[in-house]
Amino acid sequence: MCRVNLSAEQQNRLSRILSVELECARSLAAILQREHSALKSRDPDRVLEISSEKQQAVEQMQLSGRQREQLLASLRVAPGSEGIEALFQANPDTACTDLWRQLGEIAGQLREQNEINGGILALSQRHNQQALDILCGRTESRNTYGAKGQHHQTQSGHTLTKA
């Protein structure tokens, strides 16, 4: 159980950090939606452009997360969700509680959208590989994984043309 009583200054600082983190998460959600549209329309230039934006948003979110963790550490609160939730239980009237709840909700949405986008990308890559296999005359292509998760690809076939 956390026994830290937040001062008004500490609450304001935590609120600012969580607000920035929430804004970064909302920005990342919009970027992931644009990425989804670009992936569905098979626009590789747009996907590449968006991936750069996405990287910047993720880095900003990580910075805010580190600032939050540093504040928690200075308060001698355990890191991560457990620590901050214990802090909010000890300080139930703080406005930060709602920001944290919103951040948790959007984090779930981000995870889901990222998995969807990753699935679209994986499917597209698989289709591209199959097309290349056909063009190169490879009639069989078996993708397998070794005991340590390393990718092995075995192929057999023939070329379609000779020079």
N, C-alpha and C. Protein backbone atom coordinates (compact mmCIF):
# COMPACT_ATOMS: atom_id res chain seq x y z
N MET A 1 0.83 -1.18 0.00
CA MET A 1 0.00 0.00 0.00
C MET A 1 0.88 1.25 0.00
N CYS A 2 0.55 2.19 -0.82
CA CYS A 2 1.29 3.43 -0.93
C CYS A 2 0.78 4.41 0.13
N ARG A 3 1.71 5.05 0.82
CA ARG A 3 1.32 5.98 1.88
C ARG A 3 1.73 7.42 1.54
N VAL A 4 1.99 7.71 0.29
CA VAL A 4 2.43 9.04 -0.11
C VAL A 4 1.22 9.93 -0.31
N ASN A 5 1.22 11.05 0.38
CA ASN A 5 0.19 12.07 0.15
C ASN A 5 0.78 13.12 -0.77
N LEU A 6 0.17 13.27 -1.93
CA LEU A 6 0.68 14.21 -2.92
C LEU A 6 0.38 15.64 -2.51
N SER A 7 1.39 16.49 -2.63
CA SER A 7 1.18 17.93 -2.43
C SER A 7 0.50 18.47 -3.69
N ALA A 8 -0.01 19.68 -3.62
CA ALA A 8 -0.64 20.29 -4.79
C ALA A 8 0.36 20.42 -5.93
N GLU A 9 1.61 20.75 -5.61
CA GLU A 9 2.65 20.88 -6.64
C GLU A 9 2.92 19.53 -7.31
N GLN A 10 3.02 18.47 -6.50
CA GLN A 10 3.26 17.14 -7.05
C GLN A 10 2.09 16.68 -7.91
N GLN A 11 0.87 16.97 -7.48
CA GLN A 11 -0.31 16.62 -8.27
C GLN A 11 -0.29 17.36 -9.60
N ASN A 12 0.05 18.65 -9.56
CA ASN A 12 0.11 19.44 -10.80
C ASN A 12 1.17 18.90 -11.75
N ARG A 13 2.33 18.54 -11.19
CA ARG A 13 3.41 18.01 -12.04
C ARG A 13 3.00 16.68 -12.67
N LEU A 14 2.42 15.79 -11.86
CA LEU A 14 1.96 14.50 -12.39
C LEU A 14 0.85 14.71 -13.42
N SER A 15 -0.03 15.65 -13.15
CA SER A 15 -1.12 15.94 -14.08
C SER A 15 -0.57 16.43 -15.43
N ARG A 16 0.43 17.30 -15.39
CA ARG A 16 1.04 17.80 -16.64
C ARG A 16 1.68 16.66 -17.42
N ILE A 17 2.42 15.80 -16.71
CA ILE A 17 3.08 14.68 -17.37
C ILE A 17 2.05 13.74 -17.99
N LEU A 18 1.01 13.39 -17.25
CA LEU A 18 -0.03 12.49 -17.77
C LEU A 18 -0.79 13.14 -18.93
N SER A 19 -0.99 14.45 -18.86
CA SER A 19 -1.68 15.15 -19.95
C SER A 19 -0.86 15.09 -21.23
N VAL A 20 0.44 15.29 -21.11
CA VAL A 20 1.33 15.20 -22.28
C VAL A 20 1.33 13.77 -22.82
N GLU A 21 1.40 12.81 -21.91
CA GLU A 21 1.40 11.40 -22.31
C GLU A 21 0.10 11.04 -23.02
N LEU A 22 -1.02 11.55 -22.51
CA LEU A 22 -2.32 11.29 -23.12
C LEU A 22 -2.41 11.95 -24.50
N GLU A 23 -1.91 13.16 -24.62
CA GLU A 23 -1.92 13.85 -25.91
C GLU A 23 -1.05 13.08 -26.92
N CYS A 24 0.08 12.58 -26.48
CA CYS A 24 0.95 11.78 -27.35
C CYS A 24 0.21 10.51 -27.79
N ALA A 25 -0.50 9.88 -26.87
CA ALA A 25 -1.24 8.66 -27.20
C ALA A 25 -2.35 8.96 -28.21
N ARG A 26 -3.03 10.07 -28.03
CA ARG A 26 -4.09 10.44 -29.00
C ARG A 26 -3.50 10.73 -30.37
N SER A 27 -2.36 11.39 -30.38
CA SER A 27 -1.67 11.66 -31.64
C SER A 27 -1.26 10.35 -32.31
N LEU A 28 -0.73 9.43 -31.52
CA LEU A 28 -0.32 8.13 -32.05
C LEU A 28 -1.53 7.36 -32.58
N ALA A 29 -2.67 7.48 -31.93
CA ALA A 29 -3.89 6.81 -32.41
C ALA A 29 -4.28 7.33 -33.79
N ALA A 30 -4.19 8.65 -33.97
CA ALA A 30 -4.51 9.24 -35.28
C ALA A 30 -3.51 8.77 -36.34
N ILE A 31 -2.25 8.70 -35.97
CA ILE A 31 -1.21 8.23 -36.90
C ILE A 31 -1.48 6.78 -37.29
N LEU A 32 -1.83 5.93 -36.32
CA LEU A 32 -2.12 4.53 -36.62
C LEU A 32 -3.33 4.38 -37.53
N GLN A 33 -4.31 5.26 -37.39
CA GLN A 33 -5.46 5.23 -38.29
C GLN A 33 -5.05 5.61 -39.72
N ARG A 34 -4.19 6.62 -39.83
CA ARG A 34 -3.70 7.00 -41.16
C ARG A 34 -2.85 5.88 -41.76
N GLU A 35 -2.06 5.23 -40.92
CA GLU A 35 -1.25 4.10 -41.38
C GLU A 35 -2.16 2.98 -41.88
N HIS A 36 -3.23 2.72 -41.16
CA HIS A 36 -4.19 1.69 -41.55
C HIS A 36 -4.76 1.99 -42.94
N SER A 37 -5.14 3.24 -43.15
CA SER A 37 -5.68 3.63 -44.46
C SER A 37 -4.64 3.47 -45.56
N ALA A 38 -3.41 3.86 -45.28
CA ALA A 38 -2.34 3.74 -46.27
C ALA A 38 -2.04 2.28 -46.58
N LEU A 39 -2.07 1.42 -45.55
CA LEU A 39 -1.83 -0.01 -45.77
C LEU A 39 -2.96 -0.62 -46.60
N LYS A 40 -4.18 -0.25 -46.30
CA LYS A 40 -5.32 -0.80 -47.06
C LYS A 40 -5.30 -0.34 -48.51
N SER A 41 -4.85 0.89 -48.75
CA SER A 41 -4.81 1.39 -50.13
C SER A 41 -3.50 1.03 -50.83
N ARG A 42 -2.64 0.30 -50.12
CA ARG A 42 -1.35 -0.17 -50.67
C ARG A 42 -0.51 0.98 -51.23
N ASP A 43 -0.33 1.98 -50.37
CA ASP A 43 0.44 3.16 -50.74
C ASP A 43 1.76 3.14 -49.96
N PRO A 44 2.80 2.48 -50.52
CA PRO A 44 4.05 2.30 -49.77
C PRO A 44 4.75 3.62 -49.42
N ASP A 45 4.66 4.62 -50.30
CA ASP A 45 5.29 5.90 -49.99
C ASP A 45 4.64 6.54 -48.77
N ARG A 46 3.33 6.48 -48.73
CA ARG A 46 2.59 7.05 -47.59
C ARG A 46 2.88 6.25 -46.31
N VAL A 47 2.95 4.94 -46.42
CA VAL A 47 3.25 4.10 -45.26
C VAL A 47 4.63 4.48 -44.70
N LEU A 48 5.60 4.66 -45.57
CA LEU A 48 6.95 5.04 -45.15
C LEU A 48 6.95 6.40 -44.46
N GLU A 49 6.24 7.34 -45.03
CA GLU A 49 6.14 8.68 -44.45
C GLU A 49 5.49 8.62 -43.06
N ILE A 50 4.44 7.84 -42.95
CA ILE A 50 3.71 7.72 -41.68
C ILE A 50 4.57 7.00 -40.65
N SER A 51 5.38 6.04 -41.07
CA SER A 51 6.22 5.30 -40.11
C SER A 51 7.20 6.24 -39.42
N SER A 52 7.66 7.26 -40.12
CA SER A 52 8.55 8.25 -39.52
C SER A 52 7.80 9.05 -38.46
N GLU A 53 6.58 9.48 -38.78
CA GLU A 53 5.75 10.19 -37.81
C GLU A 53 5.46 9.32 -36.60
N LYS A 54 5.18 8.05 -36.86
CA LYS A 54 4.86 7.12 -35.79
C LYS A 54 6.06 6.97 -34.85
N GLN A 55 7.24 6.87 -35.40
CA GLN A 55 8.45 6.72 -34.58
C GLN A 55 8.63 7.93 -33.68
N GLN A 56 8.42 9.12 -34.22
CA GLN A 56 8.55 10.34 -33.41
C GLN A 56 7.52 10.37 -32.28
N ALA A 57 6.29 9.98 -32.58
CA ALA A 57 5.23 9.96 -31.56
C ALA A 57 5.55 8.95 -30.46
N VAL A 58 6.05 7.79 -30.85
CA VAL A 58 6.41 6.76 -29.87
C VAL A 58 7.54 7.27 -28.98
N GLU A 59 8.54 7.91 -29.57
CA GLU A 59 9.66 8.44 -28.79
C GLU A 59 9.19 9.49 -27.80
N GLN A 60 8.27 10.36 -28.22
CA GLN A 60 7.73 11.38 -27.32
C GLN A 60 6.94 10.74 -26.18
N MET A 61 6.19 9.70 -26.51
CA MET A 61 5.43 9.01 -25.48
C MET A 61 6.36 8.31 -24.49
N GLN A 62 7.43 7.73 -24.99
CA GLN A 62 8.41 7.09 -24.11
C GLN A 62 9.07 8.11 -23.18
N LEU A 63 9.36 9.28 -23.71
CA LEU A 63 9.95 10.35 -22.89
C LEU A 63 9.00 10.74 -21.77
N SER A 64 7.73 10.91 -22.08
CA SER A 64 6.74 11.25 -21.05
C SER A 64 6.62 10.14 -20.02
N GLY A 65 6.66 8.90 -20.49
CA GLY A 65 6.61 7.77 -19.57
C GLY A 65 7.80 7.74 -18.63
N ARG A 66 8.98 8.06 -19.17
CA ARG A 66 10.19 8.12 -18.31
C ARG A 66 10.06 9.25 -17.28
N GLN A 67 9.50 10.38 -17.70
CA GLN A 67 9.31 11.49 -16.76
C GLN A 67 8.34 11.09 -15.64
N ARG A 68 7.30 10.37 -16.01
CA ARG A 68 6.34 9.90 -15.01
C ARG A 68 7.03 8.95 -14.04
N GLU A 69 7.80 8.01 -14.57
CA GLU A 69 8.50 7.05 -13.72
C GLU A 69 9.52 7.74 -12.82
N GLN A 70 10.19 8.79 -13.33
CA GLN A 70 11.14 9.54 -12.50
C GLN A 70 10.42 10.24 -11.36
N LEU A 71 9.27 10.82 -11.63
CA LEU A 71 8.49 11.47 -10.58
C LEU A 71 8.06 10.44 -9.53
N LEU A 72 7.57 9.29 -9.99
CA LEU A 72 7.17 8.24 -9.05
C LEU A 72 8.36 7.79 -8.20
N ALA A 73 9.52 7.66 -8.82
CA ALA A 73 10.71 7.23 -8.09
C ALA A 73 11.09 8.28 -7.04
N SER A 74 10.96 9.56 -7.39
CA SER A 74 11.29 10.62 -6.43
C SER A 74 10.32 10.63 -5.25
N LEU A 75 9.12 10.09 -5.47
CA LEU A 75 8.13 9.98 -4.40
C LEU A 75 8.25 8.65 -3.65
N ARG A 76 9.20 7.83 -4.10
CA ARG A 76 9.41 6.48 -3.55
C ARG A 76 8.18 5.59 -3.75
N VAL A 77 7.60 5.73 -4.95
CA VAL A 77 6.46 4.91 -5.35
C VAL A 77 6.98 3.87 -6.32
N ALA A 78 6.48 2.65 -6.19
CA ALA A 78 6.91 1.56 -7.08
C ALA A 78 6.67 1.95 -8.54
N PRO A 79 7.54 1.53 -9.43
CA PRO A 79 7.36 1.86 -10.86
C PRO A 79 6.19 1.09 -11.47
N GLY A 80 5.72 1.61 -12.58
CA GLY A 80 4.69 0.93 -13.36
C GLY A 80 3.28 1.17 -12.86
N SER A 81 2.37 0.42 -13.45
CA SER A 81 0.95 0.56 -13.17
C SER A 81 0.60 0.31 -11.71
N GLU A 82 1.21 -0.70 -11.13
CA GLU A 82 0.90 -1.03 -9.74
C GLU A 82 1.22 0.13 -8.81
N GLY A 83 2.36 0.76 -9.02
CA GLY A 83 2.77 1.88 -8.17
C GLY A 83 1.86 3.07 -8.31
N ILE A 84 1.55 3.44 -9.55
CA ILE A 84 0.72 4.62 -9.75
C ILE A 84 -0.72 4.37 -9.28
N GLU A 85 -1.20 3.16 -9.46
CA GLU A 85 -2.55 2.85 -8.99
C GLU A 85 -2.61 2.86 -7.47
N ALA A 86 -1.56 2.40 -6.81
CA ALA A 86 -1.50 2.48 -5.35
C ALA A 86 -1.46 3.94 -4.91
N LEU A 87 -0.72 4.76 -5.65
CA LEU A 87 -0.66 6.20 -5.35
C LEU A 87 -2.05 6.82 -5.45
N PHE A 88 -2.81 6.43 -6.46
CA PHE A 88 -4.15 7.00 -6.64
C PHE A 88 -5.12 6.48 -5.57
N GLN A 89 -4.90 5.29 -5.09
CA GLN A 89 -5.73 4.78 -3.99
C GLN A 89 -5.48 5.58 -2.73
N ALA A 90 -4.23 5.99 -2.52
CA ALA A 90 -3.89 6.79 -1.35
C ALA A 90 -4.29 8.25 -1.52
N ASN A 91 -4.49 8.66 -2.77
CA ASN A 91 -4.86 10.05 -3.10
C ASN A 91 -6.04 10.03 -4.06
N PRO A 92 -7.22 9.61 -3.60
CA PRO A 92 -8.34 9.37 -4.51
C PRO A 92 -8.94 10.63 -5.14
N ASP A 93 -8.70 11.77 -4.58
CA ASP A 93 -9.33 12.99 -5.09
C ASP A 93 -8.54 13.68 -6.19
N THR A 94 -7.43 13.11 -6.58
CA THR A 94 -6.58 13.75 -7.57
C THR A 94 -7.19 13.66 -8.98
N ALA A 95 -7.04 14.73 -9.75
CA ALA A 95 -7.53 14.76 -11.14
C ALA A 95 -6.71 13.81 -12.01
N CYS A 96 -5.56 13.42 -11.52
CA CYS A 96 -4.68 12.52 -12.28
C CYS A 96 -5.33 11.15 -12.50
N THR A 97 -6.19 10.75 -11.59
CA THR A 97 -6.83 9.44 -11.69
C THR A 97 -7.58 9.30 -13.01
N ASP A 98 -8.32 10.32 -13.39
CA ASP A 98 -9.07 10.28 -14.65
C ASP A 98 -8.12 10.26 -15.86
N LEU A 99 -7.06 11.04 -15.79
CA LEU A 99 -6.08 11.05 -16.88
C LEU A 99 -5.47 9.66 -17.05
N TRP A 100 -5.15 9.01 -15.93
CA TRP A 100 -4.56 7.67 -15.96
C TRP A 100 -5.54 6.67 -16.56
N ARG A 101 -6.81 6.79 -16.19
CA ARG A 101 -7.84 5.89 -16.72
C ARG A 101 -7.94 6.06 -18.24
N GLN A 102 -7.99 7.32 -18.68
CA GLN A 102 -8.06 7.59 -20.12
C GLN A 102 -6.83 7.05 -20.85
N LEU A 103 -5.68 7.21 -20.23
CA LEU A 103 -4.44 6.71 -20.83
C LEU A 103 -4.47 5.19 -20.96
N GLY A 104 -5.00 4.52 -19.96
CA GLY A 104 -5.15 3.06 -20.03
C GLY A 104 -6.08 2.62 -21.14
N GLU A 105 -7.18 3.35 -21.30
CA GLU A 105 -8.14 3.02 -22.37
C GLU A 105 -7.51 3.20 -23.74
N ILE A 106 -6.85 4.32 -23.95
CA ILE A 106 -6.27 4.57 -25.27
C ILE A 106 -5.09 3.63 -25.53
N ALA A 107 -4.38 3.24 -24.48
CA ALA A 107 -3.28 2.28 -24.66
C ALA A 107 -3.82 0.96 -25.21
N GLY A 108 -4.97 0.53 -24.72
CA GLY A 108 -5.60 -0.69 -25.25
C GLY A 108 -5.98 -0.54 -26.71
N GLN A 109 -6.50 0.64 -27.07
CA GLN A 109 -6.87 0.90 -28.46
C GLN A 109 -5.63 0.93 -29.35
N LEU A 110 -4.56 1.52 -28.84
CA LEU A 110 -3.30 1.57 -29.61
C LEU A 110 -2.76 0.18 -29.87
N ARG A 111 -2.78 -0.65 -28.84
CA ARG A 111 -2.30 -2.03 -28.97
C ARG A 111 -3.12 -2.77 -30.04
N GLU A 112 -4.43 -2.62 -29.97
CA GLU A 112 -5.31 -3.30 -30.93
C GLU A 112 -5.07 -2.82 -32.36
N GLN A 113 -5.00 -1.50 -32.55
CA GLN A 113 -4.80 -0.96 -33.90
C GLN A 113 -3.44 -1.34 -34.44
N ASN A 114 -2.43 -1.36 -33.58
CA ASN A 114 -1.08 -1.74 -34.01
C ASN A 114 -1.06 -3.20 -34.45
N GLU A 115 -1.78 -4.06 -33.74
CA GLU A 115 -1.86 -5.47 -34.14
C GLU A 115 -2.58 -5.62 -35.48
N ILE A 116 -3.64 -4.86 -35.68
CA ILE A 116 -4.36 -4.90 -36.97
C ILE A 116 -3.43 -4.46 -38.09
N ASN A 117 -2.75 -3.33 -37.89
CA ASN A 117 -1.84 -2.84 -38.93
C ASN A 117 -0.71 -3.83 -39.20
N GLY A 118 -0.20 -4.44 -38.14
CA GLY A 118 0.86 -5.44 -38.31
C GLY A 118 0.37 -6.64 -39.10
N GLY A 119 -0.88 -7.04 -38.86
CA GLY A 119 -1.46 -8.15 -39.61
C GLY A 119 -1.60 -7.83 -41.08
N ILE A 120 -2.04 -6.61 -41.39
CA ILE A 120 -2.16 -6.19 -42.79
C ILE A 120 -0.79 -6.19 -43.45
N LEU A 121 0.19 -5.67 -42.75
CA LEU A 121 1.55 -5.62 -43.29
C LEU A 121 2.10 -7.01 -43.53
N ALA A 122 1.90 -7.92 -42.58
CA ALA A 122 2.39 -9.30 -42.73
C ALA A 122 1.73 -9.99 -43.91
N LEU A 123 0.44 -9.78 -44.06
CA LEU A 123 -0.28 -10.39 -45.18
C LEU A 123 0.23 -9.84 -46.51
N SER A 124 0.45 -8.54 -46.57
CA SER A 124 0.97 -7.92 -47.78
C SER A 124 2.36 -8.45 -48.12
N GLN A 125 3.20 -8.60 -47.10
CA GLN A 125 4.54 -9.13 -47.33
C GLN A 125 4.48 -10.57 -47.83
N ARG A 126 3.57 -11.36 -47.28
CA ARG A 126 3.42 -12.75 -47.71
C ARG A 126 2.97 -12.80 -49.18
N HIS A 127 2.03 -11.95 -49.55
CA HIS A 127 1.57 -11.91 -50.95
C HIS A 127 2.70 -11.49 -51.88
N ASN A 128 3.48 -10.49 -51.46
CA ASN A 128 4.61 -10.05 -52.28
C ASN A 128 5.63 -11.16 -52.46
N GLN A 129 5.90 -11.90 -51.38
CA GLN A 129 6.86 -13.00 -51.46
C GLN A 129 6.35 -14.09 -52.40
N GLN A 130 5.06 -14.38 -52.33
CA GLN A 130 4.49 -15.39 -53.22
C GLN A 130 4.60 -14.94 -54.68
N ALA A 131 4.35 -13.66 -54.93
CA ALA A 131 4.47 -13.15 -56.30
C ALA A 131 5.91 -13.26 -56.78
N LEU A 132 6.87 -12.92 -55.93
CA LEU A 132 8.28 -13.04 -56.29
C LEU A 132 8.66 -14.50 -56.55
N ASP A 133 8.15 -15.39 -55.73
CA ASP A 133 8.43 -16.82 -55.93
C ASP A 133 7.94 -17.27 -57.30
N ILE A 134 6.76 -16.84 -57.67
CA ILE A 134 6.21 -17.21 -58.98
C ILE A 134 7.06 -16.63 -60.10
N LEU A 135 7.41 -15.35 -59.99
CA LEU A 135 8.21 -14.70 -61.02
C LEU A 135 9.60 -15.32 -61.16
N CYS A 136 10.14 -15.81 -60.07
CA CYS A 136 11.47 -16.42 -60.09
C CYS A 136 11.40 -17.92 -60.38
N GLY A 137 10.21 -18.45 -60.59
CA GLY A 137 10.06 -19.85 -60.95
C GLY A 137 10.17 -20.81 -59.78
N ARG A 138 10.05 -20.32 -58.60
CA ARG A 138 10.09 -21.21 -57.43
C ARG A 138 8.67 -21.75 -57.24
N THR A 139 8.56 -23.05 -57.39
CA THR A 139 7.24 -23.67 -57.29
C THR A 139 6.87 -24.02 -55.86
N GLU A 140 7.86 -24.23 -55.04
CA GLU A 140 7.60 -24.52 -53.64
C GLU A 140 8.40 -23.57 -52.78
N SER A 141 7.78 -23.09 -51.78
CA SER A 141 8.48 -22.25 -50.81
C SER A 141 7.91 -22.59 -49.45
N ARG A 142 8.76 -23.15 -48.63
CA ARG A 142 8.32 -23.51 -47.29
C ARG A 142 9.00 -22.61 -46.28
N ASN A 143 8.19 -21.89 -45.52
CA ASN A 143 8.72 -21.05 -44.46
C ASN A 143 8.59 -21.81 -43.15
N THR A 144 9.72 -22.04 -42.51
CA THR A 144 9.71 -22.73 -41.22
C THR A 144 10.57 -21.95 -40.24
N TYR A 145 10.46 -22.33 -38.99
CA TYR A 145 11.24 -21.68 -37.95
C TYR A 145 12.00 -22.73 -37.17
N GLY A 146 13.23 -22.38 -36.81
CA GLY A 146 14.06 -23.28 -36.02
C GLY A 146 13.70 -23.21 -34.55
N ALA A 147 14.39 -24.00 -33.76
CA ALA A 147 14.12 -24.09 -32.33
C ALA A 147 14.30 -22.75 -31.62
N LYS A 148 15.17 -21.91 -32.13
CA LYS A 148 15.41 -20.61 -31.51
C LYS A 148 14.62 -19.50 -32.18
N GLY A 149 13.67 -19.85 -33.02
CA GLY A 149 12.82 -18.86 -33.66
C GLY A 149 13.39 -18.25 -34.93
N GLN A 150 14.56 -18.72 -35.38
CA GLN A 150 15.14 -18.19 -36.60
C GLN A 150 14.36 -18.68 -37.82
N HIS A 151 14.26 -17.84 -38.81
CA HIS A 151 13.48 -18.12 -40.01
C HIS A 151 14.30 -18.94 -40.99
N HIS A 152 13.72 -20.01 -41.52
CA HIS A 152 14.34 -20.83 -42.56
C HIS A 152 13.39 -20.86 -43.74
N GLN A 153 13.94 -20.65 -44.92
CA GLN A 153 13.11 -20.73 -46.11
C GLN A 153 13.78 -21.71 -47.08
N THR A 154 13.03 -22.75 -47.43
CA THR A 154 13.55 -23.71 -48.41
C THR A 154 12.74 -23.55 -49.68
N GLN A 155 13.43 -23.63 -50.80
CA GLN A 155 12.76 -23.42 -52.07
C GLN A 155 13.22 -24.45 -53.08
N SER A 156 12.31 -24.78 -53.94
CA SER A 156 12.67 -25.60 -55.08
C SER A 156 11.91 -25.06 -56.27
N GLY A 157 12.37 -25.36 -57.45
CA GLY A 157 11.67 -24.86 -58.61
C GLY A 157 12.61 -24.70 -59.77
N HIS A 158 12.17 -23.87 -60.72
CA HIS A 158 12.95 -23.64 -61.89
C HIS A 158 12.74 -22.20 -62.36
N THR A 159 13.66 -21.71 -63.15
CA THR A 159 13.52 -20.36 -63.67
C THR A 159 12.53 -20.38 -64.82
N LEU A 160 11.85 -19.27 -64.99
CA LEU A 160 10.88 -19.17 -66.08
C LEU A 160 11.56 -18.87 -67.41
N THR A 161 12.71 -18.18 -67.37
CA THR A 161 13.41 -17.84 -68.59
C THR A 161 14.89 -18.08 -68.43
N LYS A 162 15.58 -18.16 -69.59
CA LYS A 162 17.03 -18.25 -69.60
C LYS A 162 17.55 -17.22 -70.57
N ALA A 163 18.70 -16.70 -70.25
CA ALA A 163 19.30 -15.70 -71.13
C ALA A 163 20.32 -16.35 -72.03
